[in-house]
Protein backbone atom coordinates (compact mmCIF):
# COMPACT_ATOMS: atom_id res chain seq x y z
CA MET A 1 20.70 -4.38 30.26
CA MET A 2 21.13 -3.41 26.90
CA CYS A 3 21.64 0.24 26.20
CA LEU A 4 19.85 1.91 23.11
CA PRO A 5 22.29 3.24 20.52
CA PRO A 6 21.93 6.97 20.02
CA PRO A 7 20.38 9.05 17.36
CA GLY A 8 20.35 8.08 13.73
CA ARG A 9 21.11 4.81 12.33
CA PRO A 10 19.86 1.00 12.32
CA TRP A 11 19.58 -1.60 14.94
CA ARG A 12 21.21 -4.69 15.09
CA ARG A 13 20.29 -7.85 17.51
CA SER A 14 23.44 -9.68 18.95
CA ALA A 15 23.37 -13.56 18.16
CA PHE A 16 20.51 -15.25 19.35
CA PRO A 17 21.64 -17.23 22.41
CA PRO A 18 22.09 -20.81 22.17
CA ALA A 19 19.70 -23.07 23.53
CA GLY A 20 20.65 -24.29 26.81
CA GLY A 21 22.34 -21.29 27.43
CA LEU A 22 25.41 -19.53 26.25
CA PRO A 23 28.43 -21.79 25.48
CA ARG A 24 31.18 -21.72 27.58
CA GLY A 25 34.14 -19.39 26.45
CA SER A 26 31.41 -17.06 24.15
CA VAL A 27 31.82 -13.46 24.43
CA PHE A 28 28.71 -11.26 23.36
CA GLY A 29 29.56 -7.81 22.88
CA ASN A 30 27.19 -5.08 24.47
CA ALA A 31 25.17 -2.77 22.24
CA LEU A 32 27.13 -0.17 20.74
CA ARG A 33 25.74 3.53 21.24
CA ASP A 34 26.72 5.18 17.97
CA GLN A 35 24.07 7.50 16.45
CA ALA A 36 20.41 6.56 16.59
CA GLY A 37 18.30 3.77 15.48
CA PRO A 38 19.83 0.15 15.30
CA GLU A 39 21.02 -2.01 18.17
CA ARG A 40 24.33 -3.53 16.95
CA GLY A 41 25.86 -6.15 18.70
CA SER A 42 29.44 -7.33 18.44
CA PRO A 43 29.60 -10.83 16.90
CA PRO A 44 30.76 -13.44 19.57
CA VAL A 45 34.51 -14.35 19.45
CA SER A 46 35.91 -17.79 20.78
CA THR A 47 38.38 -20.40 20.31
CA HIS A 48 35.65 -23.39 20.48
CA THR A 49 34.51 -24.57 17.19
CA MET A 50 32.93 -27.52 16.11
CA ASP A 51 34.65 -29.92 13.85
CA VAL A 52 34.49 -29.03 10.28
CA ASP A 53 33.34 -32.87 9.53
CA ALA A 54 30.75 -32.69 12.48
CA LEU A 55 29.27 -29.63 10.96
CA GLN A 56 29.42 -31.11 7.18
CA LYS A 57 27.51 -34.16 8.75
CA LEU A 58 24.76 -31.82 10.42
CA ILE A 59 24.30 -30.12 7.23
CA HIS A 60 23.95 -33.43 5.30
CA LEU A 61 21.71 -34.72 7.75
CA LEU A 62 19.33 -31.59 7.20
CA GLN A 63 19.21 -32.44 3.39
CA ALA A 64 18.77 -36.18 4.23
CA THR A 65 15.86 -36.60 6.73
CA ASP A 66 12.53 -35.62 6.74
CA ASP A 67 11.96 -36.22 10.64
CA PRO A 68 10.97 -32.97 12.07
CA LEU A 69 12.33 -34.02 15.42
CA ILE A 70 15.98 -34.67 14.04
CA GLN A 71 15.69 -31.72 11.93
CA GLU A 72 14.95 -29.36 14.61
CA GLN A 73 17.66 -30.94 16.92
CA ALA A 74 20.23 -30.25 13.79
CA LEU A 75 19.28 -26.89 13.41
CA ILE A 76 19.57 -26.09 17.18
CA THR A 77 22.99 -27.49 17.20
CA LEU A 78 23.98 -25.43 14.17
CA SER A 79 22.51 -22.41 15.36
CA ASN A 80 24.66 -22.88 18.99
CA SER A 81 27.68 -23.31 16.65
CA ALA A 82 26.94 -20.34 14.60
CA ALA A 83 27.43 -18.36 17.73
CA PHE A 84 30.95 -18.54 17.05
CA SER A 85 32.44 -16.16 14.21
CA VAL A 86 34.68 -19.06 12.90
CA ASN A 87 31.98 -21.41 12.81
CA GLN A 88 29.93 -18.76 10.69
CA ASP A 89 32.57 -19.00 7.81
CA ILE A 90 32.73 -22.82 7.98
CA ILE A 91 29.16 -23.18 7.78
CA ARG A 92 28.68 -20.92 4.67
CA ASN A 93 31.80 -22.45 3.10
CA LEU A 94 29.86 -25.75 3.43
CA ASN A 95 27.00 -24.34 1.62
CA GLY A 96 25.00 -24.75 4.96
CA LEU A 97 23.34 -21.17 4.57
CA SER A 98 21.47 -22.30 1.19
CA VAL A 99 20.52 -25.74 3.35
CA ILE A 100 19.28 -23.75 6.22
CA GLY A 101 17.61 -21.42 4.03
CA GLY A 102 15.63 -24.26 2.48
CA MET A 103 14.27 -25.24 5.67
CA LEU A 104 12.23 -22.07 5.79
CA SER A 105 9.63 -23.91 3.49
CA ASP A 106 9.01 -26.49 5.94
CA CYS A 107 5.33 -26.32 7.13
CA VAL A 108 6.37 -27.34 10.98
CA PRO A 109 6.51 -24.34 12.70
CA LYS A 110 9.33 -25.53 15.08
CA VAL A 111 11.78 -26.46 12.22
CA LYS A 112 10.99 -23.24 10.60
CA GLU A 113 11.49 -21.20 13.78
CA LYS A 114 14.97 -22.96 14.42
CA ALA A 115 16.08 -22.45 10.79
CA LEU A 116 15.27 -18.85 11.34
CA ASN A 117 17.04 -18.65 14.80
CA ALA A 118 20.10 -20.34 12.78
CA LEU A 119 20.16 -17.60 10.03
CA ASN A 120 19.85 -14.93 12.68
CA ASN A 121 23.37 -15.95 13.90
CA LEU A 122 24.89 -16.48 10.95
CA SER A 123 23.83 -13.25 9.79
CA MET A 124 26.30 -11.53 12.09
CA ASN A 125 28.79 -12.04 9.23
CA ILE A 126 28.71 -9.72 6.23
CA LYS A 127 29.66 -12.32 3.64
CA ASN A 128 26.79 -14.49 4.81
CA GLN A 129 24.49 -11.59 4.54
CA GLU A 130 25.31 -11.65 1.21
CA GLU A 131 23.92 -15.11 0.83
CA ILE A 132 20.98 -14.87 3.15
CA GLN A 133 19.62 -11.93 1.66
CA VAL A 134 18.12 -14.05 -1.00
CA PHE A 135 15.80 -15.42 1.53
CA ILE A 136 14.47 -11.80 2.92
CA THR A 137 11.17 -11.78 0.68
CA GLN A 138 10.36 -15.38 2.03
CA VAL A 139 11.12 -14.17 5.57
CA CYS A 140 8.99 -11.17 5.42
CA GLY A 141 6.19 -13.65 4.06
CA THR A 142 6.50 -15.78 6.67
CA VAL A 143 6.27 -12.84 9.40
CA GLU A 144 3.02 -11.69 7.72
CA SER A 145 1.51 -15.11 7.67
CA ALA A 146 2.58 -16.42 11.09
CA PRO A 147 0.43 -16.23 13.67
CA LEU A 148 0.57 -13.07 15.67
CA ASN A 149 2.85 -12.99 18.37
CA SER A 150 3.93 -16.59 17.65
CA ASP A 151 7.78 -17.68 17.97
CA VAL A 152 8.06 -18.08 14.28
CA GLN A 153 7.10 -14.32 13.63
CA LEU A 154 9.37 -13.05 16.43
CA ALA A 155 12.23 -15.24 14.92
CA GLY A 156 11.37 -13.90 11.62
CA LEU A 157 11.60 -10.23 13.00
CA ARG A 158 14.94 -10.84 14.71
CA LEU A 159 16.50 -11.90 11.50
CA LEU A 160 15.05 -8.98 9.54
CA THR A 161 16.55 -6.57 12.25
CA ASN A 162 19.88 -7.87 11.59
CA MET A 163 19.65 -7.86 7.84
CA SER A 164 18.25 -4.12 8.05
CA VAL A 165 21.28 -2.74 10.00
CA THR A 166 22.75 -1.35 6.69
CA ASN A 167 20.61 0.19 3.95
CA GLU A 168 21.67 -2.42 1.25
CA TYR A 169 18.82 -4.95 1.46
CA HIS A 170 15.82 -2.22 2.62
CA GLN A 171 14.44 -2.30 -0.66
CA LYS A 172 13.63 -6.01 -0.36
CA MET A 173 11.61 -4.82 2.87
CA ILE A 174 9.57 -2.06 1.68
CA ASN A 175 6.54 -3.94 0.54
CA SER A 176 6.34 -5.31 4.16
CA ILE A 177 5.95 -2.18 5.80
CA PRO A 178 2.18 -2.34 6.13
CA CYS A 179 2.53 -5.79 7.89
CA PHE A 180 5.12 -4.27 10.14
CA LEU A 181 3.00 -1.37 11.20
CA HIS A 182 0.02 -3.83 11.68
CA LEU A 183 2.31 -5.76 14.06
CA LEU A 184 3.39 -2.52 15.88
CA SER A 185 -0.36 -1.68 16.49
CA GLU A 186 -1.75 -5.40 17.15
CA GLY A 187 1.19 -7.17 18.85
CA THR A 188 2.20 -7.78 22.33
CA GLU A 189 4.72 -5.73 23.85
CA ARG A 190 7.49 -8.22 23.10
CA THR A 191 6.51 -8.17 18.98
CA GLN A 192 6.00 -4.31 19.41
CA ILE A 193 9.72 -4.00 20.50
CA GLN A 194 11.18 -6.40 17.83
CA VAL A 195 9.30 -4.83 15.05
CA LEU A 196 10.32 -1.24 16.21
CA LYS A 197 13.77 -2.20 15.59
CA VAL A 198 13.28 -2.98 11.87
CA LEU A 199 11.30 0.18 11.62
CA VAL A 200 13.89 2.20 13.17
CA ASN A 201 16.65 0.58 10.80
CA LEU A 202 14.38 1.31 7.94
CA SER A 203 13.39 5.11 8.97
CA ALA A 204 17.30 5.56 9.46
CA ASN A 205 17.44 5.26 5.44
CA PRO A 206 16.07 8.40 3.40
CA ALA A 207 15.04 6.11 0.53
CA THR A 208 12.63 4.50 2.55
CA THR A 209 11.13 7.80 4.13
CA ARG A 210 8.25 8.34 1.61
CA HIS A 211 7.23 4.41 1.83
CA LEU A 212 7.04 5.15 5.67
CA LEU A 213 5.41 8.14 5.48
CA ARG A 214 2.60 7.20 3.16
CA ALA A 215 1.60 4.33 5.52
CA GLN A 216 -1.26 4.91 7.86
CA VAL A 217 -1.15 3.68 11.50
CA PRO A 218 -4.24 5.06 13.51
CA SER A 219 -2.79 4.02 16.96
CA LEU A 220 0.62 5.58 16.20
CA VAL A 221 0.12 8.74 18.60
CA SER A 222 -0.96 6.30 21.60
CA LEU A 223 2.73 4.96 21.77
CA PHE A 224 4.03 8.49 22.56
CA ASP A 225 2.94 8.15 26.34
CA ASN A 226 4.33 8.15 29.71
CA CYS A 227 2.70 5.10 30.34
CA VAL A 228 4.38 3.20 27.50
CA ASN A 229 7.01 0.38 28.15
CA ARG A 230 10.16 2.39 28.13
CA ASP A 231 11.53 -0.06 25.55
CA ILE A 232 8.67 0.61 23.02
CA LEU A 233 8.80 4.33 23.81
CA VAL A 234 12.32 5.12 23.20
CA ARG A 235 12.31 3.24 20.03
CA ALA A 236 9.13 4.73 18.67
CA LEU A 237 10.30 7.98 19.53
CA ALA A 238 13.73 7.21 17.34
CA PHE A 239 11.48 6.05 14.56
CA ALA A 240 9.76 9.37 14.60
CA ALA A 241 12.79 11.45 14.94
CA ASN A 242 14.56 9.55 12.01
CA LEU A 243 11.48 10.26 9.62
CA LYS A 244 11.47 13.95 10.84
CA LYS A 245 15.04 14.41 10.13
CA ASN A 246 14.49 12.95 6.64
CA MET A 247 12.08 15.05 5.90
CA LYS A 248 13.58 18.10 6.85
CA ASP A 249 16.84 17.11 4.61
CA GLU A 250 14.58 16.25 1.51
CA GLU A 251 13.33 18.92 -0.71
CA GLY A 252 10.06 18.96 -2.84
CA THR A 253 7.82 17.34 -0.54
CA LYS A 254 4.36 17.57 -2.09
CA ILE A 255 1.61 17.26 0.93
CA GLU A 256 -0.64 16.01 -1.77
CA GLU A 257 1.13 12.74 -1.76
CA TYR A 258 0.02 11.83 1.53
CA SER A 259 -3.31 10.88 2.76
CA GLU A 260 -4.65 12.51 6.12
CA ASP A 261 -4.41 9.49 8.17
CA SER A 262 -0.89 8.64 7.09
CA ILE A 263 2.22 8.83 9.48
CA PHE A 264 3.24 12.14 7.46
CA PHE A 265 0.28 13.97 8.77
CA THR A 266 0.44 12.37 12.30
CA LEU A 267 4.22 13.41 12.60
CA CYS A 268 5.10 16.02 10.13
CA ARG A 269 2.10 18.34 9.81
CA ASP A 270 2.18 20.00 13.31
CA SER A 271 -0.25 17.57 14.62
CA ALA A 272 -1.61 18.84 17.74
CA PRO A 273 -2.18 15.44 19.53
CA PHE A 274 1.60 14.50 18.59
CA ALA A 275 2.76 17.84 19.80
CA GLN A 276 1.14 17.55 23.15
CA ARG A 277 2.53 13.96 23.82
CA LEU A 278 5.80 15.19 23.04
CA ALA A 279 5.43 18.27 25.43
CA SER A 280 4.29 15.87 28.05
CA LEU A 281 7.42 13.42 27.39
CA LEU A 282 9.70 16.46 28.09
CA HIS A 283 9.28 15.44 31.64
CA HIS A 284 9.58 11.91 31.42
CA PRO A 285 12.29 10.51 34.00
CA ASP A 286 14.21 8.58 31.15
CA THR A 287 17.06 10.34 29.88
CA GLU A 288 16.95 8.55 26.36
CA VAL A 289 13.47 9.32 26.27
CA LYS A 290 13.86 13.10 26.76
CA GLU A 291 17.05 13.09 24.19
CA GLN A 292 14.77 11.68 21.63
CA VAL A 293 12.11 14.16 22.12
CA VAL A 294 14.50 17.00 21.88
CA ARG A 295 15.79 15.51 18.69
CA ILE A 296 12.26 15.56 17.24
CA LEU A 297 11.47 19.25 18.41
CA THR A 298 14.69 20.35 16.86
CA GLN A 299 14.34 19.16 13.50
């Protein structure tokens, strides 16, 4: 069972498991507990690598074929190989990131999903992130336009989770905050958990605080309930705690900047419904839930 990182920072998802199970010899690190917010996974380390020529042929095949079945299988193989750190560098050096990124424009959902999965595995590498970041706006658009709760949407959110672990690329995601909050309100539990990972990462950055607080989520308070899925609840609390902390640290907040149905009024203006929910959650059986509630109450 993956444990949640403590209060304060972003979440990272570990590499997307290769199709058909993990490759023999792969090592996937557990999520680290270092401050509050992001899930961070150690990149896999293994001596098992694909031959450089084989990787190059796969990349060339992606460029040469229009057959979606072949494209899908090539992307799955590249995604599997990208579960190993050595291959992440090789694929980048072979210009594979731009080729895989080019597949995000494909109109076949399965091809787009597999391209997102491959980029997700490749994004465990900092140098790769520097190249992948050029696709963030496009990935945000894909998340917004994809059918609700679809595999493509979830794949896009997984990639954005990894790309938002540091503050480096948050500016590219700010315009998609209303979309993320819509998914939080309307998505299934699986979608809610994944979008909350992105939102927790964004909320850990003081530069995004006002953008988040101005947004509107009428159903936000309903997430702070003893009956809510624990994985959703603890992330929603971390999101709120990060925002409260950033508000406390920031001087000169002008209440008139925010509408009465904004997140600011829900979380930061002594909202009675929110306060009542927090009081109830102090009796929650889960230790991490109670820790996050205390974080909020002591801000």
